[in-house]
Amino acid sequence: WMYIRMMGKDGLRKASSIAILSANYLAKRLDSYYPVLFKDPNGLVAHECILDLRPLKSQLGIEVEDIAKRLMDYGFHAPTLSWPVLNTMMVEPTESESLDELKRFVKAMEMIRREIFTLPEIVKNSPHTESEICGQWTHPYTREEACFPNQPKKKFWPAVSRIDNVYGDRNLVCSCS
């Protein structure tokens, strides 16, 4: 309520316009790498673009989760996965994302696409944690390729690499005090 109240009618209209423009920018830039679903007859999307990753799974065994985890190595929080369509990624840029940040995301997705075909292990093993990088290295690629693919100014280190999602969904653990 406070957000709506502070933005007002004109501010909400501007924020919505920017979010829609940003989603269409991403859809246009990424469509040749990852097909975009639910475009209108003019090729436009709403405030989100849904990237179809199903062909990568059927052809190469690369899961949508693999790409989401690799995005963490590039410094991004993973977008919504498998909704509304299984094995898709819903990218929903907010009105606060700058053009530079959108370009950085496009570059990361382009680089991940290249990695899928040239070094799929790096995508399948993502994300790479700080403890992993400091420990015994057994991967066929370098630590730099794994953890600093885009030479970030600041590095986000995930606490864990991969977890068993199905096990976690079925065996909830309450960490409340």
Protein backbone atom coordinates (compact mmCIF):
# COMPACT_ATOMS: atom_id res chain seq x y z
CA TRP A 1 0.00 0.00 0.00
CA MET A 2 2.78 2.43 0.89
CA TYR A 3 4.60 1.71 -2.38
CA ILE A 4 1.44 2.44 -4.36
CA ARG A 5 0.70 5.50 -2.25
CA MET A 6 4.23 6.92 -2.62
CA MET A 7 4.40 6.23 -6.36
CA GLY A 8 1.00 7.66 -7.18
CA LYS A 9 -0.83 7.15 -10.46
CA ASP A 10 1.86 8.69 -12.66
CA GLY A 11 4.71 6.93 -10.86
CA LEU A 12 3.00 3.53 -11.14
CA ARG A 13 2.34 4.07 -14.83
CA LYS A 14 6.00 4.99 -15.41
CA ALA A 15 7.28 2.04 -13.34
CA SER A 16 5.01 -0.35 -15.26
CA SER A 17 6.15 1.07 -18.59
CA ILE A 18 9.81 0.65 -17.65
CA ALA A 19 9.24 -2.96 -16.49
CA ILE A 20 7.47 -3.81 -19.77
CA LEU A 21 10.18 -2.10 -21.82
CA SER A 22 12.89 -3.96 -19.87
CA ALA A 23 11.21 -7.34 -20.35
CA ASN A 24 10.91 -6.72 -24.09
CA TYR A 25 14.55 -5.64 -24.28
CA LEU A 26 15.57 -8.94 -22.68
CA ALA A 27 13.18 -10.95 -24.86
CA LYS A 28 14.55 -9.39 -28.08
CA ARG A 29 18.18 -9.77 -27.02
CA LEU A 30 17.85 -13.38 -25.80
CA ASP A 31 15.36 -14.87 -28.28
CA SER A 32 18.05 -16.13 -30.66
CA TYR A 33 19.78 -17.97 -27.77
CA TYR A 34 16.74 -19.10 -25.80
CA PRO A 35 13.33 -19.04 -27.53
CA VAL A 36 10.83 -16.76 -25.79
CA LEU A 37 7.32 -18.07 -25.13
CA PHE A 38 4.01 -16.19 -25.10
CA LYS A 39 4.82 -13.35 -27.46
CA ASP A 40 1.99 -11.41 -29.04
CA PRO A 41 1.63 -11.22 -32.86
CA ASN A 42 4.11 -8.32 -32.88
CA GLY A 43 6.70 -10.36 -30.97
CA LEU A 44 6.20 -8.45 -27.72
CA VAL A 45 5.88 -9.79 -24.17
CA ALA A 46 4.24 -8.33 -21.06
CA HIS A 47 6.27 -7.48 -17.94
CA GLU A 48 8.14 -10.79 -18.07
CA CYS A 49 9.78 -12.97 -20.67
CA ILE A 50 9.66 -16.73 -20.42
CA LEU A 51 12.75 -18.44 -21.86
CA ASP A 52 12.11 -21.91 -23.24
CA LEU A 53 14.92 -24.20 -22.09
CA ARG A 54 13.16 -27.47 -22.93
CA PRO A 55 15.22 -28.07 -26.10
CA LEU A 56 18.45 -27.92 -24.05
CA LYS A 57 17.15 -30.63 -21.76
CA SER A 58 16.00 -32.95 -24.52
CA GLN A 59 19.05 -32.43 -26.74
CA LEU A 60 21.91 -31.93 -24.27
CA GLY A 61 20.69 -32.94 -20.82
CA ILE A 62 21.05 -29.37 -19.51
CA GLU A 63 18.31 -28.63 -16.99
CA VAL A 64 16.75 -25.25 -16.32
CA GLU A 65 18.18 -25.51 -12.80
CA ASP A 66 21.71 -25.88 -14.23
CA ILE A 67 21.41 -22.51 -15.94
CA ALA A 68 19.85 -20.92 -12.86
CA LYS A 69 22.70 -22.20 -10.69
CA ARG A 70 25.29 -20.97 -13.20
CA LEU A 71 23.72 -17.52 -13.05
CA MET A 72 24.76 -17.47 -9.38
CA ASP A 73 28.41 -17.74 -10.46
CA TYR A 74 27.75 -14.67 -12.61
CA GLY A 75 26.35 -12.77 -9.64
CA PHE A 76 22.62 -13.07 -10.32
CA HIS A 77 19.80 -14.42 -8.20
CA ALA A 78 18.09 -17.19 -10.13
CA PRO A 79 14.82 -16.19 -11.81
CA THR A 80 11.57 -18.13 -11.39
CA LEU A 81 11.91 -21.66 -12.76
CA SER A 82 9.40 -23.99 -14.43
CA TRP A 83 6.46 -21.65 -14.07
CA PRO A 84 4.12 -21.35 -15.86
CA VAL A 85 5.73 -23.99 -18.12
CA LEU A 86 7.98 -26.82 -16.94
CA ASN A 87 11.68 -26.35 -17.85
CA THR A 88 11.37 -22.64 -18.58
CA MET A 89 12.86 -19.59 -16.90
CA MET A 90 10.68 -16.57 -16.21
CA VAL A 91 12.75 -13.38 -16.22
CA GLU A 92 10.85 -10.49 -14.72
CA PRO A 93 12.98 -7.33 -14.56
CA THR A 94 11.68 -4.68 -12.18
CA GLU A 95 11.47 -0.99 -12.93
CA SER A 96 14.58 -0.45 -10.80
CA GLU A 97 16.92 -2.48 -13.04
CA SER A 98 19.26 -0.23 -14.99
CA LEU A 99 20.07 -0.73 -18.65
CA ASP A 100 23.63 -1.64 -17.64
CA GLU A 101 22.28 -4.39 -15.37
CA LEU A 102 20.03 -5.70 -18.15
CA LYS A 103 23.01 -5.76 -20.52
CA ARG A 104 25.07 -7.59 -17.89
CA PHE A 105 22.32 -10.21 -17.60
CA VAL A 106 22.14 -10.65 -21.39
CA LYS A 107 25.93 -11.06 -21.55
CA ALA A 108 25.83 -13.68 -18.78
CA MET A 109 23.08 -15.63 -20.55
CA GLU A 110 25.03 -15.47 -23.83
CA MET A 111 28.18 -16.72 -22.10
CA ILE A 112 26.26 -19.54 -20.40
CA ARG A 113 24.84 -20.56 -23.78
CA ARG A 114 28.40 -20.79 -25.11
CA GLU A 115 29.50 -22.80 -22.05
CA ILE A 116 26.64 -25.27 -22.56
CA PHE A 117 28.19 -26.28 -25.89
CA THR A 118 31.89 -25.90 -25.08
CA LEU A 119 32.19 -26.79 -21.39
CA PRO A 120 28.90 -28.28 -20.14
CA GLU A 121 30.53 -29.57 -16.92
CA ILE A 122 30.94 -26.00 -15.69
CA VAL A 123 27.19 -25.46 -16.00
CA LYS A 124 26.29 -28.85 -14.49
CA ASN A 125 28.57 -28.26 -11.46
CA SER A 126 27.34 -24.75 -10.66
CA PRO A 127 27.25 -22.88 -8.43
CA HIS A 128 30.83 -22.96 -7.22
CA THR A 129 31.20 -22.13 -3.54
CA GLU A 130 33.99 -20.33 -1.71
CA SER A 131 34.94 -23.47 0.22
CA GLU A 132 35.09 -25.42 -3.03
CA ILE A 133 37.36 -22.87 -4.70
CA CYS A 134 39.69 -22.86 -1.69
CA GLY A 135 39.82 -26.64 -1.42
CA GLN A 136 41.03 -29.48 -3.59
CA TRP A 137 40.16 -28.64 -7.21
CA THR A 138 39.16 -31.64 -9.33
CA HIS A 139 37.25 -30.01 -12.19
CA PRO A 140 38.52 -29.96 -15.80
CA TYR A 141 38.26 -26.14 -15.90
CA THR A 142 40.00 -23.44 -13.91
CA ARG A 143 38.85 -21.83 -10.68
CA GLU A 144 38.69 -18.50 -12.51
CA GLU A 145 36.42 -19.91 -15.22
CA ALA A 146 34.16 -21.38 -12.54
CA CYS A 147 33.86 -18.54 -10.08
CA PHE A 148 34.78 -15.37 -11.95
CA PRO A 149 33.40 -15.85 -15.47
CA ASN A 150 32.53 -12.17 -15.86
CA GLN A 151 35.20 -10.63 -13.60
CA PRO A 152 32.65 -9.21 -11.14
CA LYS A 153 33.45 -6.15 -9.06
CA LYS A 154 31.81 -7.88 -6.11
CA LYS A 155 31.41 -11.63 -5.76
CA PHE A 156 28.36 -13.35 -4.30
CA TRP A 157 29.31 -16.68 -2.74
CA PRO A 158 26.50 -19.22 -2.42
CA ALA A 159 26.65 -21.11 0.88
CA VAL A 160 26.04 -24.50 -0.74
CA SER A 161 26.43 -25.92 -4.21
CA ARG A 162 23.72 -28.41 -5.12
CA ILE A 163 21.03 -29.83 -2.90
CA ASP A 164 18.46 -32.57 -3.42
CA ASN A 165 15.37 -30.43 -4.05
CA VAL A 166 12.92 -33.33 -4.01
CA TYR A 167 14.28 -34.55 -0.67
CA GLY A 168 14.07 -31.03 0.71
CA ASP A 169 10.49 -30.61 -0.48
CA ARG A 170 9.45 -33.87 1.14
CA ASN A 171 11.43 -33.52 4.38
CA LEU A 172 10.89 -30.05 5.73
CA VAL A 173 13.13 -28.91 8.57
CA CYS A 174 12.03 -26.08 10.80
CA SER A 175 14.96 -23.91 11.83
CA CYS A 176 12.85 -21.66 14.05
CA SER A 177 14.03 -21.17 17.60
